[in-house]
Amino acid sequence: MDCNYASAFSVLSSLYDIKIDFAAVEPELDDNGDVTKEHRVNKQRITMSPALAKDLAEKLSDIVASYESRYGKIPEVLTTE
């Protein structure tokens, strides 16, 4: 199984499917190696039926609730989209 790390995502939908694009935010460096800006690199698109997306949302909600009860509240992610 291929494994990618995602630090960003976006969700698209139509009548028949839901698409989730996973991406990584990577730095752009100048000649001195200093970060000048960041850019988004798309890594993977997953397309699924609305029914499967609903099941995924429920499973993610359950696992996040379990994680937070064990380790504490997860801080909100600031997005720039």
N, C-alpha and C. Protein backbone atom coordinates (compact mmCIF):
# COMPACT_ATOMS: atom_id res chain seq x y z
N MET A 1 0.83 -1.17 0.00
CA MET A 1 0.00 0.00 0.00
C MET A 1 0.88 1.24 0.00
N ASP A 2 0.58 2.17 -0.90
CA ASP A 2 1.28 3.45 -0.90
C ASP A 2 0.84 4.27 0.30
N CYS A 3 1.76 5.06 0.82
CA CYS A 3 1.45 5.89 1.97
C CYS A 3 1.93 7.31 1.70
N ASN A 4 1.02 8.28 1.83
CA ASN A 4 1.35 9.68 1.66
C ASN A 4 0.97 10.44 2.92
N TYR A 5 1.68 11.51 3.21
CA TYR A 5 1.33 12.39 4.31
C TYR A 5 0.60 13.60 3.74
N ALA A 6 -0.50 13.96 4.36
CA ALA A 6 -1.25 15.13 3.91
C ALA A 6 -1.28 16.16 5.04
N SER A 7 -1.02 17.41 4.67
CA SER A 7 -1.13 18.50 5.64
C SER A 7 -2.24 19.47 5.22
N ALA A 8 -2.96 19.12 4.15
CA ALA A 8 -4.07 19.94 3.69
C ALA A 8 -5.02 19.05 2.88
N PHE A 9 -6.26 19.49 2.78
CA PHE A 9 -7.22 18.77 1.96
C PHE A 9 -8.29 19.73 1.46
N SER A 10 -8.99 19.31 0.42
CA SER A 10 -10.17 20.03 -0.04
C SER A 10 -11.21 19.00 -0.45
N VAL A 11 -12.47 19.39 -0.38
CA VAL A 11 -13.57 18.48 -0.68
C VAL A 11 -14.42 19.09 -1.79
N LEU A 12 -14.74 18.27 -2.79
CA LEU A 12 -15.59 18.67 -3.91
C LEU A 12 -16.76 17.69 -3.96
N SER A 13 -17.91 18.16 -4.42
CA SER A 13 -19.03 17.24 -4.52
C SER A 13 -19.87 17.51 -5.76
N SER A 14 -20.54 16.46 -6.20
CA SER A 14 -21.53 16.55 -7.27
C SER A 14 -22.71 15.68 -6.84
N LEU A 15 -23.69 15.56 -7.69
CA LEU A 15 -24.86 14.74 -7.36
C LEU A 15 -24.46 13.29 -7.10
N TYR A 16 -23.46 12.80 -7.82
CA TYR A 16 -23.14 11.37 -7.79
C TYR A 16 -21.91 10.98 -6.98
N ASP A 17 -21.04 11.92 -6.66
CA ASP A 17 -19.84 11.53 -5.92
C ASP A 17 -19.27 12.67 -5.10
N ILE A 18 -18.39 12.28 -4.19
CA ILE A 18 -17.64 13.20 -3.34
C ILE A 18 -16.16 12.95 -3.63
N LYS A 19 -15.42 14.04 -3.82
CA LYS A 19 -13.98 13.92 -4.07
C LYS A 19 -13.24 14.61 -2.94
N ILE A 20 -12.22 13.95 -2.42
CA ILE A 20 -11.35 14.54 -1.40
C ILE A 20 -9.95 14.59 -1.99
N ASP A 21 -9.41 15.79 -2.13
CA ASP A 21 -8.03 15.97 -2.58
C ASP A 21 -7.15 16.16 -1.36
N PHE A 22 -6.13 15.33 -1.25
CA PHE A 22 -5.15 15.44 -0.17
C PHE A 22 -3.89 16.08 -0.73
N ALA A 23 -3.30 16.99 0.03
CA ALA A 23 -2.13 17.72 -0.44
C ALA A 23 -1.13 17.90 0.70
N ALA A 24 0.06 18.29 0.33
CA ALA A 24 1.10 18.64 1.30
C ALA A 24 1.48 20.09 1.05
N VAL A 25 1.65 20.84 2.10
CA VAL A 25 2.11 22.22 1.99
C VAL A 25 3.63 22.18 2.14
N GLU A 26 4.32 22.62 1.09
CA GLU A 26 5.78 22.54 1.07
C GLU A 26 6.38 23.94 0.96
N PRO A 27 7.52 24.16 1.60
CA PRO A 27 8.14 25.49 1.55
C PRO A 27 8.89 25.72 0.24
N GLU A 28 8.95 26.98 -0.18
CA GLU A 28 9.83 27.39 -1.27
C GLU A 28 10.98 28.13 -0.63
N LEU A 29 12.19 27.78 -1.02
CA LEU A 29 13.39 28.35 -0.41
C LEU A 29 14.09 29.29 -1.37
N ASP A 30 14.71 30.34 -0.82
CA ASP A 30 15.54 31.21 -1.66
C ASP A 30 16.95 30.63 -1.72
N ASP A 31 17.87 31.35 -2.34
CA ASP A 31 19.24 30.85 -2.51
C ASP A 31 19.97 30.65 -1.19
N ASN A 32 19.53 31.34 -0.13
CA ASN A 32 20.15 31.19 1.19
C ASN A 32 19.52 30.07 2.01
N GLY A 33 18.50 29.42 1.45
CA GLY A 33 17.83 28.36 2.19
C GLY A 33 16.73 28.86 3.11
N ASP A 34 16.38 30.14 2.99
CA ASP A 34 15.31 30.70 3.82
C ASP A 34 13.97 30.47 3.12
N VAL A 35 12.94 30.22 3.92
CA VAL A 35 11.60 30.01 3.38
C VAL A 35 11.05 31.34 2.89
N THR A 36 10.67 31.40 1.62
CA THR A 36 10.10 32.62 1.05
C THR A 36 8.58 32.56 1.01
N LYS A 37 8.04 31.39 0.77
CA LYS A 37 6.60 31.17 0.81
C LYS A 37 6.35 29.67 0.80
N GLU A 38 5.09 29.30 0.93
CA GLU A 38 4.72 27.89 0.89
C GLU A 38 3.80 27.67 -0.30
N HIS A 39 3.82 26.47 -0.83
CA HIS A 39 2.89 26.13 -1.89
C HIS A 39 2.32 24.74 -1.64
N ARG A 40 1.18 24.52 -2.22
CA ARG A 40 0.44 23.28 -2.02
C ARG A 40 0.74 22.31 -3.16
N VAL A 41 1.07 21.09 -2.81
CA VAL A 41 1.35 20.05 -3.80
C VAL A 41 0.30 18.95 -3.62
N ASN A 42 -0.56 18.78 -4.64
CA ASN A 42 -1.58 17.74 -4.57
C ASN A 42 -0.93 16.37 -4.61
N LYS A 43 -1.35 15.50 -3.71
CA LYS A 43 -0.76 14.17 -3.60
C LYS A 43 -1.70 13.06 -4.05
N GLN A 44 -3.00 13.19 -3.72
CA GLN A 44 -3.92 12.08 -3.99
C GLN A 44 -5.35 12.60 -4.04
N ARG A 45 -6.16 12.08 -4.96
CA ARG A 45 -7.60 12.35 -4.98
C ARG A 45 -8.33 11.03 -4.75
N ILE A 46 -9.25 11.05 -3.80
CA ILE A 46 -10.11 9.90 -3.53
C ILE A 46 -11.53 10.29 -3.92
N THR A 47 -12.16 9.47 -4.75
CA THR A 47 -13.54 9.70 -5.17
C THR A 47 -14.39 8.58 -4.61
N MET A 48 -15.55 8.94 -4.02
CA MET A 48 -16.43 7.94 -3.42
C MET A 48 -17.88 8.37 -3.55
N SER A 49 -18.76 7.42 -3.31
CA SER A 49 -20.19 7.70 -3.35
C SER A 49 -20.57 8.55 -2.13
N PRO A 50 -21.67 9.31 -2.22
CA PRO A 50 -22.13 10.06 -1.05
C PRO A 50 -22.39 9.16 0.16
N ALA A 51 -22.92 7.95 -0.07
CA ALA A 51 -23.18 7.03 1.05
C ALA A 51 -21.88 6.63 1.75
N LEU A 52 -20.84 6.34 0.97
CA LEU A 52 -19.56 5.97 1.58
C LEU A 52 -18.94 7.17 2.28
N ALA A 53 -19.07 8.37 1.69
CA ALA A 53 -18.55 9.58 2.33
C ALA A 53 -19.24 9.82 3.67
N LYS A 54 -20.54 9.58 3.74
CA LYS A 54 -21.28 9.74 5.00
C LYS A 54 -20.76 8.75 6.04
N ASP A 55 -20.55 7.51 5.64
CA ASP A 55 -20.01 6.50 6.56
C ASP A 55 -18.62 6.90 7.03
N LEU A 56 -17.78 7.39 6.12
CA LEU A 56 -16.44 7.86 6.48
C LEU A 56 -16.52 9.00 7.50
N ALA A 57 -17.43 9.96 7.26
CA ALA A 57 -17.58 11.09 8.18
C ALA A 57 -17.97 10.62 9.58
N GLU A 58 -18.86 9.65 9.65
CA GLU A 58 -19.28 9.11 10.95
C GLU A 58 -18.12 8.40 11.65
N LYS A 59 -17.36 7.61 10.90
CA LYS A 59 -16.21 6.89 11.48
C LYS A 59 -15.14 7.87 11.96
N LEU A 60 -14.86 8.90 11.15
CA LEU A 60 -13.88 9.91 11.56
C LEU A 60 -14.34 10.65 12.81
N SER A 61 -15.62 10.98 12.88
CA SER A 61 -16.16 11.65 14.07
C SER A 61 -15.99 10.78 15.31
N ASP A 62 -16.28 9.49 15.17
CA ASP A 62 -16.14 8.56 16.30
C ASP A 62 -14.68 8.46 16.76
N ILE A 63 -13.76 8.33 15.81
CA ILE A 63 -12.35 8.14 16.19
C ILE A 63 -11.76 9.41 16.77
N VAL A 64 -12.19 10.59 16.28
CA VAL A 64 -11.72 11.85 16.84
C VAL A 64 -12.24 12.01 18.27
N ALA A 65 -13.50 11.66 18.50
CA ALA A 65 -14.06 11.74 19.85
C ALA A 65 -13.31 10.81 20.80
N SER A 66 -12.99 9.62 20.34
CA SER A 66 -12.24 8.67 21.16
C SER A 66 -10.83 9.20 21.46
N TYR A 67 -10.17 9.74 20.44
CA TYR A 67 -8.84 10.31 20.61
C TYR A 67 -8.86 11.44 21.65
N GLU A 68 -9.84 12.35 21.51
CA GLU A 68 -9.92 13.49 22.43
C GLU A 68 -10.26 13.07 23.85
N SER A 69 -11.03 12.02 24.02
CA SER A 69 -11.32 11.55 25.39
C SER A 69 -10.08 10.95 26.03
N ARG A 70 -9.19 10.41 25.21
CA ARG A 70 -7.96 9.81 25.72
C ARG A 70 -6.84 10.84 25.93
N TYR A 71 -6.67 11.75 24.96
CA TYR A 71 -5.50 12.62 24.95
C TYR A 71 -5.79 14.11 25.12
N GLY A 72 -7.06 14.50 25.11
CA GLY A 72 -7.40 15.91 25.23
C GLY A 72 -7.84 16.50 23.90
N LYS A 73 -8.41 17.69 23.98
CA LYS A 73 -8.98 18.35 22.80
C LYS A 73 -7.91 18.65 21.75
N ILE A 74 -8.25 18.37 20.51
CA ILE A 74 -7.37 18.67 19.39
C ILE A 74 -7.59 20.14 19.02
N PRO A 75 -6.53 20.92 18.89
CA PRO A 75 -6.71 22.34 18.52
C PRO A 75 -7.23 22.48 17.09
N GLU A 76 -7.94 23.58 16.84
CA GLU A 76 -8.45 23.86 15.50
C GLU A 76 -7.28 24.12 14.54
N VAL A 77 -7.45 23.73 13.28
CA VAL A 77 -6.46 23.98 12.25
C VAL A 77 -6.82 25.27 11.53
N LEU A 78 -5.85 26.15 11.40
CA LEU A 78 -6.08 27.39 10.64
C LEU A 78 -5.88 27.09 9.17
N THR A 79 -6.87 27.38 8.34
CA THR A 79 -6.75 27.14 6.92
C THR A 79 -6.63 28.45 6.17
N THR A 80 -6.03 28.38 5.00
CA THR A 80 -5.81 29.59 4.21
C THR A 80 -6.51 29.51 2.86
N GLU A 81 -7.49 28.63 2.72
CA GLU A 81 -8.18 28.50 1.43
C GLU A 81 -9.19 29.59 1.23
